N, C-alpha and C. Protein backbone atom coordinates (compact mmCIF):
# COMPACT_ATOMS: atom_id res chain seq x y z
N MET A 1 6.43 -42.28 25.29
CA MET A 1 6.50 -41.25 24.28
C MET A 1 5.54 -40.12 24.67
N ASN A 2 6.03 -38.93 24.64
CA ASN A 2 5.24 -37.76 25.00
C ASN A 2 4.58 -37.19 23.75
N THR A 3 3.25 -37.16 23.73
CA THR A 3 2.52 -36.66 22.56
C THR A 3 1.94 -35.27 22.78
N ASN A 4 2.34 -34.62 23.85
CA ASN A 4 1.87 -33.25 24.11
C ASN A 4 2.65 -32.27 23.24
N VAL A 5 2.00 -31.78 22.23
CA VAL A 5 2.63 -30.82 21.32
C VAL A 5 1.90 -29.50 21.50
N LYS A 6 2.66 -28.47 21.78
CA LYS A 6 2.06 -27.15 21.95
C LYS A 6 1.88 -26.50 20.58
N ALA A 7 0.70 -26.01 20.34
CA ALA A 7 0.43 -25.30 19.09
C ALA A 7 1.05 -23.91 19.15
N ILE A 8 1.55 -23.48 18.05
CA ILE A 8 2.12 -22.14 17.96
C ILE A 8 0.99 -21.18 17.64
N ALA A 9 0.76 -20.25 18.54
CA ALA A 9 -0.34 -19.29 18.36
C ALA A 9 0.12 -18.15 17.46
N ALA A 10 -0.78 -17.70 16.61
CA ALA A 10 -0.50 -16.55 15.75
C ALA A 10 -0.50 -15.29 16.62
N PRO A 11 0.38 -14.37 16.32
CA PRO A 11 0.41 -13.14 17.10
C PRO A 11 -0.91 -12.37 16.96
N GLN A 12 -1.38 -11.88 18.05
CA GLN A 12 -2.63 -11.13 18.04
C GLN A 12 -2.32 -9.65 17.86
N THR A 13 -3.11 -9.01 17.03
CA THR A 13 -2.93 -7.58 16.83
C THR A 13 -3.93 -6.83 17.71
N SER A 14 -3.49 -5.74 18.20
CA SER A 14 -4.36 -4.95 19.05
C SER A 14 -5.20 -3.99 18.22
N ALA A 15 -6.25 -3.49 18.82
CA ALA A 15 -7.10 -2.53 18.13
C ALA A 15 -6.32 -1.26 17.82
N ARG A 16 -5.41 -0.90 18.70
CA ARG A 16 -4.61 0.32 18.46
C ARG A 16 -3.70 0.14 17.26
N SER A 17 -3.11 -1.04 17.12
CA SER A 17 -2.26 -1.31 15.97
C SER A 17 -3.06 -1.24 14.68
N ASN A 18 -4.27 -1.81 14.69
CA ASN A 18 -5.12 -1.75 13.50
C ASN A 18 -5.51 -0.31 13.18
N LEU A 19 -5.78 0.48 14.20
CA LEU A 19 -6.14 1.88 13.99
C LEU A 19 -4.97 2.67 13.41
N LEU A 20 -3.78 2.44 13.92
CA LEU A 20 -2.59 3.13 13.41
C LEU A 20 -2.32 2.74 11.95
N THR A 21 -2.52 1.48 11.64
CA THR A 21 -2.32 1.02 10.27
C THR A 21 -3.32 1.68 9.33
N ALA A 22 -4.58 1.74 9.74
CA ALA A 22 -5.61 2.38 8.92
C ALA A 22 -5.34 3.87 8.76
N ALA A 23 -4.94 4.53 9.84
CA ALA A 23 -4.64 5.96 9.78
C ALA A 23 -3.47 6.24 8.84
N PHE A 24 -2.46 5.39 8.89
CA PHE A 24 -1.31 5.56 8.01
C PHE A 24 -1.72 5.39 6.55
N ALA A 25 -2.56 4.39 6.27
CA ALA A 25 -3.02 4.15 4.90
C ALA A 25 -3.83 5.34 4.39
N VAL A 26 -4.70 5.88 5.22
CA VAL A 26 -5.50 7.04 4.83
C VAL A 26 -4.59 8.25 4.57
N LEU A 27 -3.63 8.46 5.46
CA LEU A 27 -2.69 9.58 5.30
C LEU A 27 -1.89 9.45 4.01
N MET A 28 -1.43 8.26 3.71
CA MET A 28 -0.68 8.06 2.47
C MET A 28 -1.57 8.28 1.25
N GLY A 29 -2.80 7.79 1.29
CA GLY A 29 -3.73 7.98 0.17
C GLY A 29 -4.03 9.45 -0.08
N VAL A 30 -4.32 10.18 1.00
CA VAL A 30 -4.60 11.61 0.87
C VAL A 30 -3.36 12.35 0.36
N GLY A 31 -2.21 11.97 0.85
CA GLY A 31 -0.97 12.59 0.40
C GLY A 31 -0.72 12.38 -1.09
N ILE A 32 -0.95 11.15 -1.54
CA ILE A 32 -0.76 10.86 -2.97
C ILE A 32 -1.74 11.66 -3.81
N ILE A 33 -2.99 11.71 -3.41
CA ILE A 33 -3.99 12.48 -4.16
C ILE A 33 -3.63 13.96 -4.15
N PHE A 34 -3.17 14.48 -3.01
CA PHE A 34 -2.80 15.89 -2.92
C PHE A 34 -1.63 16.21 -3.84
N VAL A 35 -0.62 15.38 -3.83
CA VAL A 35 0.57 15.63 -4.66
C VAL A 35 0.22 15.53 -6.13
N THR A 36 -0.53 14.49 -6.52
CA THR A 36 -0.87 14.35 -7.94
C THR A 36 -1.84 15.42 -8.39
N GLY A 37 -2.59 15.99 -7.49
CA GLY A 37 -3.50 17.07 -7.86
C GLY A 37 -2.78 18.36 -8.19
N HIS A 38 -1.55 18.52 -7.73
CA HIS A 38 -0.80 19.75 -7.97
C HIS A 38 0.28 19.62 -9.02
N VAL A 39 0.44 18.44 -9.58
CA VAL A 39 1.48 18.25 -10.60
C VAL A 39 0.90 18.62 -11.98
N GLN A 40 1.77 19.03 -12.84
CA GLN A 40 1.34 19.36 -14.20
C GLN A 40 0.84 18.11 -14.90
N ALA A 41 -0.17 18.26 -15.74
CA ALA A 41 -0.79 17.11 -16.40
C ALA A 41 0.21 16.34 -17.26
N ALA A 42 1.08 17.03 -17.95
CA ALA A 42 2.05 16.35 -18.81
C ALA A 42 3.03 15.51 -17.99
N ALA A 43 3.48 16.06 -16.86
CA ALA A 43 4.42 15.32 -16.01
C ALA A 43 3.76 14.08 -15.42
N LEU A 44 2.50 14.19 -15.03
CA LEU A 44 1.78 13.05 -14.47
C LEU A 44 1.56 11.99 -15.55
N HIS A 45 1.21 12.42 -16.74
CA HIS A 45 1.02 11.47 -17.84
C HIS A 45 2.32 10.75 -18.17
N ASP A 46 3.42 11.50 -18.23
CA ASP A 46 4.70 10.88 -18.55
C ASP A 46 5.11 9.86 -17.49
N ALA A 47 4.88 10.18 -16.23
CA ALA A 47 5.23 9.23 -15.16
C ALA A 47 4.37 7.98 -15.24
N ALA A 48 3.08 8.16 -15.45
CA ALA A 48 2.19 7.01 -15.56
C ALA A 48 2.52 6.19 -16.81
N HIS A 49 2.86 6.87 -17.87
CA HIS A 49 3.21 6.20 -19.12
C HIS A 49 4.45 5.33 -18.94
N ASP A 50 5.46 5.86 -18.27
CA ASP A 50 6.68 5.09 -18.02
C ASP A 50 6.40 3.87 -17.13
N VAL A 51 5.55 4.04 -16.15
CA VAL A 51 5.21 2.92 -15.26
C VAL A 51 4.46 1.86 -16.04
N ARG A 52 3.55 2.28 -16.90
CA ARG A 52 2.81 1.31 -17.72
C ARG A 52 3.76 0.48 -18.58
N HIS A 53 4.72 1.13 -19.20
CA HIS A 53 5.67 0.41 -20.03
C HIS A 53 6.56 -0.50 -19.17
N ALA A 54 6.97 -0.05 -18.01
CA ALA A 54 7.84 -0.85 -17.15
C ALA A 54 7.15 -2.11 -16.66
N THR A 55 5.83 -2.06 -16.45
CA THR A 55 5.09 -3.22 -15.96
C THR A 55 4.55 -4.07 -17.10
N GLY A 56 4.74 -3.63 -18.34
CA GLY A 56 4.28 -4.40 -19.48
C GLY A 56 2.81 -4.23 -19.79
N PHE A 57 2.18 -3.23 -19.20
CA PHE A 57 0.76 -2.97 -19.45
C PHE A 57 0.64 -2.15 -20.72
N PRO A 58 -0.19 -2.59 -21.67
CA PRO A 58 -0.33 -1.81 -22.91
C PRO A 58 -1.05 -0.50 -22.67
N CYS A 59 -0.54 0.57 -23.20
CA CYS A 59 -1.17 1.87 -22.96
C CYS A 59 -1.53 2.58 -24.26
N HIS A 60 -1.05 2.10 -25.39
CA HIS A 60 -1.46 2.68 -26.66
C HIS A 60 -1.18 1.75 -27.79
């Protein structure tokens, strides 16, 4: 009986992949802040209000 079992190695991520992931996250965050900074307050409130109700989070 052969008991040599090869372990399955987890894929290794490269430093470049981690850097690209971080850069994308920062870009998305800045983009969201930029867009919400230019929207009218009532429109932003209404959108957030609808999301709160959709997720079941009490808002008032």
